[in-house]
Amino acid sequence: MLIKKAEQIKSSEITPKDIYQQRRQFLKTSVNLGVGLTASGLFATHAGDVFAGYGLKSLKYSKNNKYNINEALTKYKDVTTYNNFYEFGASKSSPAATAHVLTTEPWSIKVEGLVEKPAVYNLEDFVNAQTLEERVYRLRCVERWSMVIPWLGFPLAELIKKVKPTSKAKFVEFSTLYRPEEMHGQRRGVLAWPYIEGLRLDEAMNPLAFLAVGLYGEVLPNQNGAPIRLVVPWKYGFKSIKSIVKIRFTEQQPVSSWTRSAPREYGFYSNVNPDVDHPRWSQRRERRIGEFFKRKTLMFNGYADEVAHLYKNMDLTKYF
């Protein structure tokens, strides 16, 4: 297993955006780095890498310009220190301070349910078979804030095609690791553990749905969901389940963790819809992390052209 766990990162040590941009230029010009995967493995460490002291490793990837939105990126510092990951504490700063204890090597994912190829797969069984790509997505969280992040990974549809769901499969259920000795937040009954999320199969097959193994050119830090997490950019961030260890294909709709905990506040679909208020706050405006002024919230987080057809003739105030 080639993914290494992230060490604890102090806020003062996290590389800012301008250094990241310099590093990106270095990646473009160095003949030693190349693009795509090598036969010997997924990751490569670069001599003189500016991230060398952080316990992270750089990824080889190609940029998918189709998914490169024309918006300023959120600073790496904010992306990696302002997180929702209740397994490591309820505050936004807790994951960055405590998630370094999580062991992410080795890592396997159990695929079960209505598929032709159920098995326990190593992460490399999915990742080494294709070139990693970079996609820039917005991530919208229910607490009225958002980020723009350059994710590295591969389409969820590629994994689904590999395991071959049967004709009865209608939903995909995801489970997070349950390891309370390392994930101290699981020692408290904030949610029913392990964390569960789900998608309808056609949602999961949409080209936007993405399994991320990195961001900003590097392996995912633990607090961001290492070593593999879901990114569903037209939904609220809590749908983007982290540290995935099980994927189950079902005929019945899964019960997501937040839906189980507070069904009046968190529906199964969790699409970004400014016309449906959260019971405790409006969803009509959001604040991008790093900005002072709020902006108008866009339907489906700005991805309506790509996903609105999935919900044709559905009452989105009822199926929220």
Protein backbone atom coordinates (compact mmCIF):
# COMPACT_ATOMS: atom_id res chain seq x y z
CA MET A 1 0.00 0.00 0.00
CA LEU A 2 1.55 3.24 -1.12
CA ILE A 3 -0.62 5.82 0.60
CA LYS A 4 1.07 7.12 3.74
CA LYS A 5 -0.70 8.78 6.63
CA ALA A 6 -0.40 12.55 7.02
CA GLU A 7 1.54 13.84 10.00
CA GLN A 8 0.00 16.47 12.22
CA ILE A 9 0.19 19.78 10.35
CA LYS A 10 0.51 23.10 12.13
CA SER A 11 -1.40 25.96 10.57
CA SER A 12 1.79 27.98 10.26
CA GLU A 13 3.44 25.23 8.24
CA ILE A 14 0.79 24.62 5.59
CA THR A 15 1.82 25.74 2.14
CA PRO A 16 -0.11 28.79 0.91
CA LYS A 17 -1.58 29.12 -2.53
CA ASP A 18 1.33 31.11 -4.05
CA ILE A 19 3.86 28.40 -3.14
CA TYR A 20 1.50 25.77 -4.47
CA GLN A 21 1.29 27.66 -7.78
CA GLN A 22 5.09 27.81 -7.98
CA ARG A 23 5.20 24.08 -7.38
CA ARG A 24 2.64 23.50 -10.14
CA GLN A 25 4.91 25.35 -12.54
CA PHE A 26 7.79 23.13 -11.46
CA LEU A 27 5.64 20.08 -12.18
CA LYS A 28 5.00 21.31 -15.70
CA THR A 29 8.65 21.88 -16.52
CA SER A 30 10.39 18.96 -14.87
CA VAL A 31 11.05 16.06 -17.25
CA ASN A 32 11.43 13.72 -14.32
CA LEU A 33 7.83 14.00 -13.15
CA GLY A 34 5.81 13.01 -16.21
CA VAL A 35 2.04 12.57 -16.30
CA GLY A 36 -0.08 9.51 -15.55
CA LEU A 37 0.63 6.33 -13.61
CA THR A 38 3.75 4.24 -13.71
CA ALA A 39 3.72 0.46 -13.69
CA SER A 40 5.58 0.42 -10.40
CA GLY A 41 2.97 2.35 -8.45
CA LEU A 42 0.63 5.26 -8.00
CA PHE A 43 2.71 7.88 -6.24
CA ALA A 44 6.08 9.53 -6.71
CA THR A 45 8.14 11.62 -4.29
CA HIS A 46 10.04 14.52 -5.79
CA ALA A 47 13.51 15.65 -4.71
CA GLY A 48 13.33 19.01 -3.04
CA ASP A 49 9.57 18.78 -2.77
CA VAL A 50 8.22 21.72 -0.77
CA PHE A 51 5.83 19.34 1.02
CA ALA A 52 8.58 16.90 2.05
CA GLY A 53 8.41 17.81 5.74
CA TYR A 54 4.68 17.19 6.03
CA GLY A 55 4.57 13.43 5.52
CA LEU A 56 2.57 13.85 2.30
CA LYS A 57 3.36 12.47 -1.13
CA SER A 58 2.81 13.95 -4.54
CA LEU A 59 0.58 12.33 -7.13
CA LYS A 60 1.04 11.86 -10.84
CA TYR A 61 -2.05 13.00 -12.69
CA SER A 62 -3.46 14.74 -15.74
CA LYS A 63 -5.74 17.77 -15.62
CA ASN A 64 -9.30 17.32 -16.81
CA ASN A 65 -10.08 20.74 -18.29
CA LYS A 66 -13.74 19.85 -18.73
CA TYR A 67 -14.15 20.15 -14.96
CA ASN A 68 -12.06 23.26 -14.37
CA ILE A 69 -14.40 26.01 -13.17
CA ASN A 70 -13.29 29.59 -13.62
CA GLU A 71 -13.15 30.50 -9.93
CA ALA A 72 -10.35 31.25 -7.51
CA LEU A 73 -9.13 28.23 -5.56
CA THR A 74 -9.57 28.13 -1.80
CA LYS A 75 -6.24 28.33 0.01
CA TYR A 76 -4.65 25.00 0.92
CA LYS A 77 -4.45 26.15 4.53
CA ASP A 78 -8.22 26.64 4.71
CA VAL A 79 -9.01 23.42 2.88
CA THR A 80 -6.92 21.39 5.33
CA THR A 81 -7.74 23.14 8.61
CA TYR A 82 -11.48 23.86 8.32
CA ASN A 83 -13.17 20.48 8.08
CA ASN A 84 -16.31 18.56 8.97
CA PHE A 85 -15.17 15.12 10.09
CA TYR A 86 -17.09 14.23 13.23
CA GLU A 87 -15.05 11.08 13.71
CA PHE A 88 -12.29 13.44 14.86
CA GLY A 89 -14.39 15.98 16.72
CA ALA A 90 -17.33 18.30 16.16
CA SER A 91 -15.43 21.56 15.74
CA LYS A 92 -14.04 22.60 12.35
CA SER A 93 -10.48 22.71 13.69
CA SER A 94 -10.47 19.35 15.48
CA PRO A 95 -9.79 17.07 12.47
CA ALA A 96 -6.58 18.88 11.49
CA ALA A 97 -5.36 18.62 15.09
CA THR A 98 -6.24 14.99 15.75
CA ALA A 99 -6.65 13.04 12.50
CA HIS A 100 -2.91 12.40 12.13
CA VAL A 101 -3.34 9.35 14.40
CA LEU A 102 -5.41 7.52 11.78
CA THR A 103 -3.60 4.59 10.15
CA THR A 104 -4.32 4.56 6.41
CA GLU A 105 -1.83 1.89 5.34
CA PRO A 106 -2.82 -0.72 4.30
CA TRP A 107 -6.36 0.11 3.13
CA SER A 108 -9.02 -2.05 1.59
CA ILE A 109 -12.62 -1.55 0.45
CA LYS A 110 -15.26 -4.25 0.78
CA VAL A 111 -17.72 -4.31 -2.13
CA GLU A 112 -20.88 -6.32 -1.49
CA GLY A 113 -24.55 -6.61 -2.26
CA LEU A 114 -26.09 -6.71 -5.71
CA VAL A 115 -22.92 -6.94 -7.81
CA GLU A 116 -21.35 -9.65 -9.94
CA LYS A 117 -17.89 -9.11 -8.47
CA PRO A 118 -18.18 -8.77 -4.68
CA ALA A 119 -14.82 -8.88 -2.96
CA VAL A 120 -12.44 -7.10 -0.63
CA TYR A 121 -10.36 -4.88 -2.89
CA ASN A 122 -7.10 -3.15 -2.10
CA LEU A 123 -7.13 0.51 -2.98
CA GLU A 124 -4.64 -0.13 -5.80
CA ASP A 125 -7.13 -2.50 -7.45
CA PHE A 126 -9.18 0.54 -8.36
CA VAL A 127 -6.63 3.31 -8.56
CA ASN A 128 -3.67 1.77 -10.39
CA ALA A 129 -5.86 0.69 -13.30
CA GLN A 130 -6.45 4.23 -14.53
CA THR A 131 -4.78 7.60 -14.79
CA LEU A 132 -5.59 9.97 -11.98
CA GLU A 133 -7.11 13.25 -13.04
CA GLU A 134 -7.47 16.65 -11.45
CA ARG A 135 -10.90 18.26 -11.32
CA VAL A 136 -11.74 21.60 -9.75
CA TYR A 137 -15.06 21.36 -7.91
CA ARG A 138 -17.00 23.52 -5.50
CA LEU A 139 -17.77 21.83 -2.19
CA ARG A 140 -20.86 23.27 -0.51
CA CYS A 141 -21.51 22.55 3.15
CA VAL A 142 -24.82 22.87 4.92
CA GLU A 143 -23.40 25.43 7.37
CA ARG A 144 -23.61 28.02 4.55
CA TRP A 145 -19.95 27.98 3.54
CA SER A 146 -18.25 26.68 0.45
CA MET A 147 -14.80 25.98 -1.01
CA VAL A 148 -13.27 25.51 -4.47
CA ILE A 149 -10.80 22.62 -4.45
CA PRO A 150 -8.59 20.92 -7.07
CA TRP A 151 -9.38 17.27 -6.33
CA LEU A 152 -7.36 14.32 -7.61
CA GLY A 153 -9.01 10.98 -8.24
CA PHE A 154 -11.21 9.12 -10.68
CA PRO A 155 -14.92 8.90 -11.59
CA LEU A 156 -17.05 6.78 -9.27
CA ALA A 157 -18.58 5.28 -12.42
CA GLU A 158 -15.26 3.57 -13.20
CA LEU A 159 -15.39 1.62 -9.94
CA ILE A 160 -19.05 0.76 -10.46
CA LYS A 161 -18.38 -0.59 -13.94
CA LYS A 162 -15.56 -2.73 -12.57
CA VAL A 163 -17.74 -4.50 -9.97
CA LYS A 164 -20.76 -4.87 -12.33
CA PRO A 165 -24.01 -4.17 -10.43
CA THR A 166 -26.91 -6.51 -11.16
CA SER A 167 -30.19 -5.34 -12.68
CA LYS A 168 -31.75 -5.21 -9.20
CA ALA A 169 -29.26 -2.64 -7.87
CA LYS A 170 -30.87 0.77 -7.49
CA PHE A 171 -28.74 2.43 -4.79
CA VAL A 172 -25.14 2.59 -3.60
CA GLU A 173 -24.40 2.69 0.15
CA PHE A 174 -21.02 3.85 1.50
CA SER A 175 -19.56 3.24 4.97
CA THR A 176 -16.74 5.03 6.74
CA LEU A 177 -14.10 3.23 8.77
CA TYR A 178 -15.11 2.42 12.35
CA ARG A 179 -12.03 2.58 14.56
CA PRO A 180 -12.79 4.44 17.81
CA GLU A 181 -9.31 3.81 19.20
CA GLU A 182 -8.00 6.21 16.52
CA MET A 183 -11.15 8.13 15.58
CA HIS A 184 -11.89 9.51 19.02
CA GLY A 185 -15.13 11.19 17.94
CA GLN A 186 -16.65 7.74 17.51
CA ARG A 187 -16.42 7.25 21.27
CA ARG A 188 -19.33 9.70 21.59
CA GLY A 189 -22.88 9.18 20.47
CA VAL A 190 -23.07 12.23 18.23
CA LEU A 191 -24.13 9.93 15.37
CA ALA A 192 -24.78 6.22 14.97
CA TRP A 193 -21.40 4.88 13.86
CA PRO A 194 -20.05 4.00 11.40
CA TYR A 195 -20.99 6.92 9.19
CA ILE A 196 -23.28 5.87 6.31
CA GLU A 197 -24.16 7.71 3.11
CA GLY A 198 -25.91 6.74 -0.10
CA LEU A 199 -26.66 7.70 -3.67
CA ARG A 200 -29.14 6.53 -6.21
CA LEU A 201 -27.33 4.42 -8.79
CA ASP A 202 -27.92 6.88 -11.62
CA GLU A 203 -26.53 9.67 -9.41
CA ALA A 204 -23.47 7.57 -8.68
CA MET A 205 -22.96 6.95 -12.40
CA ASN A 206 -23.13 10.65 -13.26
CA PRO A 207 -19.75 11.87 -14.61
CA LEU A 208 -19.51 14.50 -11.87
CA ALA A 209 -19.50 11.93 -9.02
CA PHE A 210 -15.88 11.47 -8.05
CA LEU A 211 -13.70 9.35 -5.76
CA ALA A 212 -10.86 11.55 -4.52
CA VAL A 213 -7.49 10.32 -3.28
CA GLY A 214 -5.76 13.69 -3.27
CA LEU A 215 -6.01 17.45 -3.50
CA TYR A 216 -3.66 20.24 -4.56
CA GLY A 217 -1.39 17.67 -6.19
CA GLU A 218 -0.86 15.70 -2.98
CA VAL A 219 -2.26 12.62 -1.26
CA LEU A 220 -5.34 13.47 0.83
CA PRO A 221 -4.47 14.63 4.35
CA ASN A 222 -6.23 12.51 6.94
CA GLN A 223 -8.53 15.33 7.98
CA ASN A 224 -9.83 15.57 4.42
CA GLY A 225 -10.86 11.92 4.27
CA ALA A 226 -7.73 9.88 3.52
CA PRO A 227 -7.10 7.68 1.79
CA ILE A 228 -10.26 7.77 -0.36
CA ARG A 229 -13.45 9.79 -0.16
CA LEU A 230 -16.50 10.63 -2.21
CA VAL A 231 -17.03 14.06 -3.81
CA VAL A 232 -20.55 14.86 -5.06
CA PRO A 233 -20.29 18.53 -6.06
CA TRP A 234 -24.01 19.24 -6.62
CA LYS A 235 -24.90 18.08 -3.11
CA TYR A 236 -24.10 19.36 0.36
CA GLY A 237 -20.71 18.35 1.71
CA PHE A 238 -21.99 15.82 4.24
CA LYS A 239 -22.90 13.55 1.30
CA SER A 240 -19.19 13.36 0.43
CA ILE A 241 -18.34 10.53 2.82
CA LYS A 242 -14.72 10.18 3.93
CA SER A 243 -12.33 7.26 4.62
CA ILE A 244 -14.50 4.74 2.79
CA VAL A 245 -14.11 1.05 3.69
CA LYS A 246 -17.34 -0.48 2.35
CA ILE A 247 -19.53 0.00 -0.71
CA ARG A 248 -22.80 -1.92 -0.87
CA PHE A 249 -25.24 -2.08 -3.79
CA THR A 250 -28.89 -2.36 -2.74
CA GLU A 251 -32.42 -2.41 -4.08
CA GLN A 252 -33.73 -0.33 -1.18
CA GLN A 253 -32.76 3.25 -0.37
CA PRO A 254 -30.08 3.38 2.35
CA VAL A 255 -30.62 5.39 5.53
CA SER A 256 -27.89 8.01 5.71
CA SER A 257 -26.37 8.87 9.08
CA TRP A 258 -27.61 12.45 9.22
CA THR A 259 -31.05 11.42 7.97
CA ARG A 260 -31.24 8.84 10.75
CA SER A 261 -30.09 11.41 13.32
CA ALA A 262 -32.24 14.37 12.21
CA PRO A 263 -34.69 13.42 9.43
CA ARG A 264 -36.47 16.79 9.54
CA GLU A 265 -33.21 18.57 8.73
CA TYR A 266 -31.30 16.20 6.44
CA GLY A 267 -33.03 14.38 3.60
CA PHE A 268 -31.59 11.54 1.57
CA TYR A 269 -30.99 13.55 -1.59
CA SER A 270 -29.30 16.57 0.02
CA ASN A 271 -29.12 18.49 -3.24
CA VAL A 272 -28.09 22.12 -3.00
CA ASN A 273 -31.40 23.95 -3.41
CA PRO A 274 -31.58 27.60 -2.31
CA ASP A 275 -35.39 27.43 -2.32
CA VAL A 276 -35.45 24.86 0.50
CA ASP A 277 -34.34 26.35 3.81
CA HIS A 278 -32.71 24.31 6.52
CA PRO A 279 -35.08 24.44 9.54
CA ARG A 280 -32.53 26.57 11.41
CA TRP A 281 -31.15 28.82 8.65
CA SER A 282 -31.65 30.03 5.11
CA GLN A 283 -29.83 28.32 2.23
CA ARG A 284 -30.23 31.26 -0.16
CA ARG A 285 -26.78 32.75 0.37
CA GLU A 286 -23.35 31.30 1.15
CA ARG A 287 -19.91 32.52 2.11
CA ARG A 288 -16.88 31.24 0.27
CA ILE A 289 -14.11 30.47 2.75
CA GLY A 290 -11.61 33.33 2.61
CA GLU A 291 -14.16 35.89 1.43
CA PHE A 292 -16.01 38.51 3.49
CA PHE A 293 -19.19 39.00 1.47
CA LYS A 294 -21.80 36.34 0.87
CA ARG A 295 -22.90 35.24 -2.59
CA LYS A 296 -26.09 33.85 -4.01
CA THR A 297 -26.44 30.09 -3.68
CA LEU A 298 -26.84 28.41 -7.06
CA MET A 299 -29.28 25.60 -7.75
CA PHE A 300 -27.47 22.25 -7.62
CA ASN A 301 -24.42 24.26 -6.52
CA GLY A 302 -24.04 25.55 -10.08
CA TYR A 303 -24.15 22.12 -11.76
CA ALA A 304 -27.78 22.20 -12.93
CA ASP A 305 -26.87 21.64 -16.59
CA GLU A 306 -25.19 18.36 -15.68
CA VAL A 307 -27.59 16.92 -13.09
CA ALA A 308 -31.05 18.54 -13.23
CA HIS A 309 -32.31 15.77 -15.53
CA LEU A 310 -31.78 13.26 -12.70
CA TYR A 311 -34.64 14.86 -10.75
CA LYS A 312 -37.13 15.58 -13.53
CA ASN A 313 -40.75 15.49 -12.26
CA MET A 314 -39.57 15.16 -8.64
CA ASP A 315 -40.90 17.47 -5.93
CA LEU A 316 -37.56 18.81 -4.64
CA THR A 317 -39.20 20.34 -1.56
CA LYS A 318 -40.40 16.88 -0.56
CA TYR A 319 -37.32 14.96 -1.74
CA PHE A 320 -34.76 17.33 -0.23
